[in-house]
Amino acid sequence: MWAGIRENMVAKCICSVCGQKIDIGGIAPRLEGVKVYCRICGATTHHKF
């Protein structure tokens, strides 16, 4: 039961350059979206919740 609840709280986006999945679960959502930095390739992507 706890695993199912925990999976719903995780937010992930995919880097548009390298395809790496990035966990953004702790970021507060904003109206204009958030900028996410990829640690693998160094690209910055824009993500809306």
PDB file of N, CA and C in Angstrom:
ATOM      1  N   MET A   1       0.815  -1.191   0.000  1.00  0.00           N
ATOM      2  CA  MET A   1       0.000   0.000   0.000  1.00  0.00           C
ATOM      3  C   MET A   1       0.861   1.258   0.000  1.00  0.00           C
ATOM      4  N   TRP A   2       1.919   1.299   0.811  1.00  0.00           N
ATOM      5  CA  TRP A   2       2.757   2.493   0.875  1.00  0.00           C
ATOM      6  C   TRP A   2       3.488   2.740  -0.436  1.00  0.00           C
ATOM      7  N   ALA A   3       3.846   1.703  -1.137  1.00  0.00           N
ATOM      8  CA  ALA A   3       4.551   1.886  -2.409  1.00  0.00           C
ATOM      9  C   ALA A   3       3.654   2.571  -3.431  1.00  0.00           C
ATOM     10  N   GLY A   4       2.362   2.232  -3.442  1.00  0.00           N
ATOM     11  CA  GLY A   4       1.431   2.859  -4.368  1.00  0.00           C
ATOM     12  C   GLY A   4       1.237   4.336  -4.096  1.00  0.00           C
ATOM     13  N   ILE A   5       1.164   4.715  -2.834  1.00  0.00           N
ATOM     14  CA  ILE A   5       1.010   6.128  -2.470  1.00  0.00           C
ATOM     15  C   ILE A   5       2.283   6.895  -2.805  1.00  0.00           C
ATOM     16  N   ARG A   6       3.418   6.299  -2.549  1.00  0.00           N
ATOM     17  CA  ARG A   6       4.684   6.976  -2.807  1.00  0.00           C
ATOM     18  C   ARG A   6       4.909   7.200  -4.304  1.00  0.00           C
ATOM     19  N   GLU A   7       4.513   6.278  -5.146  1.00  0.00           N
ATOM     20  CA  GLU A   7       4.691   6.424  -6.583  1.00  0.00           C
ATOM     21  C   GLU A   7       3.879   7.588  -7.134  1.00  0.00           C
ATOM     22  N   ASN A   8       2.722   7.879  -6.542  1.00  0.00           N
ATOM     23  CA  ASN A   8       1.894   8.983  -7.015  1.00  0.00           C
ATOM     24  C   ASN A   8       2.515  10.342  -6.702  1.00  0.00           C
ATOM     25  N   MET A   9       3.398  10.428  -5.722  1.00  0.00           N
ATOM     26  CA  MET A   9       3.979  11.691  -5.309  1.00  0.00           C
ATOM     27  C   MET A   9       5.240  12.040  -6.099  1.00  0.00           C
ATOM     28  N   VAL A  10       5.733  11.140  -6.915  1.00  0.00           N
ATOM     29  CA  VAL A  10       6.955  11.354  -7.679  1.00  0.00           C
ATOM     30  C   VAL A  10       6.603  11.980  -9.018  1.00  0.00           C
ATOM     31  N   ALA A  11       7.292  13.065  -9.350  1.00  0.00           N
ATOM     32  CA  ALA A  11       7.115  13.704 -10.651  1.00  0.00           C
ATOM     33  C   ALA A  11       8.417  13.568 -11.423  1.00  0.00           C
ATOM     34  N   LYS A  12       8.326  13.143 -12.663  1.00  0.00           N
ATOM     35  CA  LYS A  12       9.515  12.980 -13.487  1.00  0.00           C
ATOM     36  C   LYS A  12       9.311  13.666 -14.822  1.00  0.00           C
ATOM     37  N   CYS A  13      10.395  14.212 -15.352  1.00  0.00           N
ATOM     38  CA  CYS A  13      10.363  14.744 -16.707  1.00  0.00           C
ATOM     39  C   CYS A  13      11.509  14.106 -17.473  1.00  0.00           C
ATOM     40  N   ILE A  14      11.462  14.210 -18.782  1.00  0.00           N
ATOM     41  CA  ILE A  14      12.476  13.603 -19.629  1.00  0.00           C
ATOM     42  C   ILE A  14      13.261  14.712 -20.315  1.00  0.00           C
ATOM     43  N   CYS A  15      14.577  14.617 -20.267  1.00  0.00           N
ATOM     44  CA  CYS A  15      15.448  15.587 -20.921  1.00  0.00           C
ATOM     45  C   CYS A  15      15.255  15.480 -22.432  1.00  0.00           C
ATOM     46  N   SER A  16      15.059  16.613 -23.081  1.00  0.00           N
ATOM     47  CA  SER A  16      14.807  16.605 -24.519  1.00  0.00           C
ATOM     48  C   SER A  16      16.078  16.359 -25.332  1.00  0.00           C
ATOM     49  N   VAL A  17      17.249  16.481 -24.715  1.00  0.00           N
ATOM     50  CA  VAL A  17      18.507  16.298 -25.437  1.00  0.00           C
ATOM     51  C   VAL A  17      18.993  14.850 -25.360  1.00  0.00           C
ATOM     52  N   CYS A  18      19.126  14.320 -24.129  1.00  0.00           N
ATOM     53  CA  CYS A  18      19.700  12.977 -23.978  1.00  0.00           C
ATOM     54  C   CYS A  18      18.667  11.906 -23.629  1.00  0.00           C
ATOM     55  N   GLY A  19      17.455  12.286 -23.234  1.00  0.00           N
ATOM     56  CA  GLY A  19      16.416  11.314 -22.919  1.00  0.00           C
ATOM     57  C   GLY A  19      16.444  10.789 -21.491  1.00  0.00           C
ATOM     58  N   GLN A  20      17.292  11.335 -20.649  1.00  0.00           N
ATOM     59  CA  GLN A  20      17.393  10.906 -19.249  1.00  0.00           C
ATOM     60  C   GLN A  20      16.143  11.321 -18.474  1.00  0.00           C
ATOM     61  N   LYS A  21      15.632  10.425 -17.628  1.00  0.00           N
ATOM     62  CA  LYS A  21      14.501  10.761 -16.770  1.00  0.00           C
ATOM     63  C   LYS A  21      15.015  11.486 -15.532  1.00  0.00           C
ATOM     64  N   ILE A  22      14.415  12.652 -15.213  1.00  0.00           N
ATOM     65  CA  ILE A  22      14.848  13.479 -14.093  1.00  0.00           C
ATOM     66  C   ILE A  22      13.707  13.567 -13.086  1.00  0.00           C
ATOM     67  N   ASP A  23      14.004  13.249 -11.817  1.00  0.00           N
ATOM     68  CA  ASP A  23      13.009  13.320 -10.747  1.00  0.00           C
ATOM     69  C   ASP A  23      12.876  14.770 -10.285  1.00  0.00           C
ATOM     70  N   ILE A  24      11.678  15.329 -10.405  1.00  0.00           N
ATOM     71  CA  ILE A  24      11.434  16.712  -9.986  1.00  0.00           C
ATOM     72  C   ILE A  24      10.325  16.756  -8.943  1.00  0.00           C
ATOM     73  N   GLY A  25      10.250  15.738  -8.100  1.00  0.00           N
ATOM     74  CA  GLY A  25       9.184  15.626  -7.117  1.00  0.00           C
ATOM     75  C   GLY A  25       9.196  16.691  -6.040  1.00  0.00           C
ATOM     76  N   GLY A  26      10.350  17.253  -5.684  1.00  0.00           N
ATOM     77  CA  GLY A  26      10.431  18.227  -4.609  1.00  0.00           C
ATOM     78  C   GLY A  26      10.310  19.669  -5.060  1.00  0.00           C
ATOM     79  N   ILE A  27      10.146  19.898  -6.352  1.00  0.00           N
ATOM     80  CA  ILE A  27      10.074  21.259  -6.876  1.00  0.00           C
ATOM     81  C   ILE A  27       8.637  21.771  -6.770  1.00  0.00           C
ATOM     82  N   ALA A  28       8.483  23.004  -6.297  1.00  0.00           N
ATOM     83  CA  ALA A  28       7.151  23.604  -6.205  1.00  0.00           C
ATOM     84  C   ALA A  28       6.679  24.021  -7.602  1.00  0.00           C
ATOM     85  N   PRO A  29       5.458  23.655  -7.987  1.00  0.00           N
ATOM     86  CA  PRO A  29       4.957  24.037  -9.312  1.00  0.00           C
ATOM     87  C   PRO A  29       4.736  25.547  -9.416  1.00  0.00           C
ATOM     88  N   ARG A  30       5.013  26.097 -10.577  1.00  0.00           N
ATOM     89  CA  ARG A  30       4.829  27.522 -10.834  1.00  0.00           C
ATOM     90  C   ARG A  30       3.961  27.684 -12.068  1.00  0.00           C
ATOM     91  N   LEU A  31       3.327  28.830 -12.201  1.00  0.00           N
ATOM     92  CA  LEU A  31       2.440  29.069 -13.341  1.00  0.00           C
ATOM     93  C   LEU A  31       3.191  29.038 -14.661  1.00  0.00           C
ATOM     94  N   GLU A  32       4.384  29.600 -14.695  1.00  0.00           N
ATOM     95  CA  GLU A  32       5.147  29.651 -15.940  1.00  0.00           C
ATOM     96  C   GLU A  32       5.959  28.382 -16.188  1.00  0.00           C
ATOM     97  N   GLY A  33       5.911  27.426 -15.267  1.00  0.00           N
ATOM     98  CA  GLY A  33       6.676  26.194 -15.396  1.00  0.00           C
ATOM     99  C   GLY A  33       7.990  26.294 -14.635  1.00  0.00           C
ATOM    100  N   VAL A  34       8.794  25.254 -14.691  1.00  0.00           N
ATOM    101  CA  VAL A  34      10.077  25.229 -13.996  1.00  0.00           C
ATOM    102  C   VAL A  34      11.182  24.872 -14.984  1.00  0.00           C
ATOM    103  N   LYS A  35      12.366  25.396 -14.723  1.00  0.00           N
ATOM    104  CA  LYS A  35      13.532  25.042 -15.514  1.00  0.00           C
ATOM    105  C   LYS A  35      14.251  23.908 -14.804  1.00  0.00           C
ATOM    106  N   VAL A  36      14.561  22.851 -15.552  1.00  0.00           N
ATOM    107  CA  VAL A  36      15.176  21.660 -14.988  1.00  0.00           C
ATOM    108  C   VAL A  36      16.541  21.466 -15.640  1.00  0.00           C
ATOM    109  N   TYR A  37      17.583  21.320 -14.815  1.00  0.00           N
ATOM    110  CA  TYR A  37      18.945  21.122 -15.296  1.00  0.00           C
ATOM    111  C   TYR A  37      19.272  19.635 -15.325  1.00  0.00           C
ATOM    112  N   CYS A  38      19.750  19.149 -16.462  1.00  0.00           N
ATOM    113  CA  CYS A  38      20.141  17.745 -16.599  1.00  0.00           C
ATOM    114  C   CYS A  38      21.595  17.592 -16.183  1.00  0.00           C
ATOM    115  N   ARG A  39      21.855  16.713 -15.211  1.00  0.00           N
ATOM    116  CA  ARG A  39      23.218  16.505 -14.745  1.00  0.00           C
ATOM    117  C   ARG A  39      24.026  15.625 -15.690  1.00  0.00           C
ATOM    118  N   ILE A  40      23.372  14.941 -16.612  1.00  0.00           N
ATOM    119  CA  ILE A  40      24.076  14.055 -17.539  1.00  0.00           C
ATOM    120  C   ILE A  40      24.683  14.851 -18.695  1.00  0.00           C
ATOM    121  N   CYS A  41      23.853  15.642 -19.390  1.00  0.00           N
ATOM    122  CA  CYS A  41      24.336  16.348 -20.584  1.00  0.00           C
ATOM    123  C   CYS A  41      24.495  17.853 -20.377  1.00  0.00           C
ATOM    124  N   GLY A  42      23.978  18.416 -19.278  1.00  0.00           N
ATOM    125  CA  GLY A  42      24.140  19.830 -18.997  1.00  0.00           C
ATOM    126  C   GLY A  42      23.090  20.729 -19.625  1.00  0.00           C
ATOM    127  N   ALA A  43      22.072  20.157 -20.231  1.00  0.00           N
ATOM    128  CA  ALA A  43      21.026  20.954 -20.874  1.00  0.00           C
ATOM    129  C   ALA A  43      20.013  21.438 -19.841  1.00  0.00           C
ATOM    130  N   THR A  44      19.379  22.567 -20.130  1.00  0.00           N
ATOM    131  CA  THR A  44      18.312  23.092 -19.292  1.00  0.00           C
ATOM    132  C   THR A  44      17.012  23.005 -20.075  1.00  0.00           C
ATOM    133  N   THR A  45      16.019  22.308 -19.516  1.00  0.00           N
ATOM    134  CA  THR A  45      14.736  22.151 -20.188  1.00  0.00           C
ATOM    135  C   THR A  45      13.654  22.830 -19.392  1.00  0.00           C
ATOM    136  N   HIS A  46      12.596  23.232 -20.063  1.00  0.00           N
ATOM    137  CA  HIS A  46      11.465  23.899 -19.442  1.00  0.00           C
ATOM    138  C   HIS A  46      10.342  22.874 -19.300  1.00  0.00           C
ATOM    139  N   HIS A  47       9.793  22.726 -18.102  1.00  0.00           N
ATOM    140  CA  HIS A  47       8.760  21.720 -17.845  1.00  0.00           C
ATOM    141  C   HIS A  47       7.577  22.355 -17.153  1.00  0.00           C
ATOM    142  N   LYS A  48       6.367  22.043 -17.637  1.00  0.00           N
ATOM    143  CA  LYS A  48       5.135  22.485 -16.982  1.00  0.00           C
ATOM    144  C   LYS A  48       4.470  21.274 -16.339  1.00  0.00           C
ATOM    145  N   PHE A  49       3.935  21.459 -15.139  1.00  0.00           N
ATOM    146  CA  PHE A  49       3.280  20.364 -14.420  1.00  0.00           C
ATOM    147  C   PHE A  49       1.910  20.100 -14.983  1.00  0.00           C
TER     148      PHE A  49
END
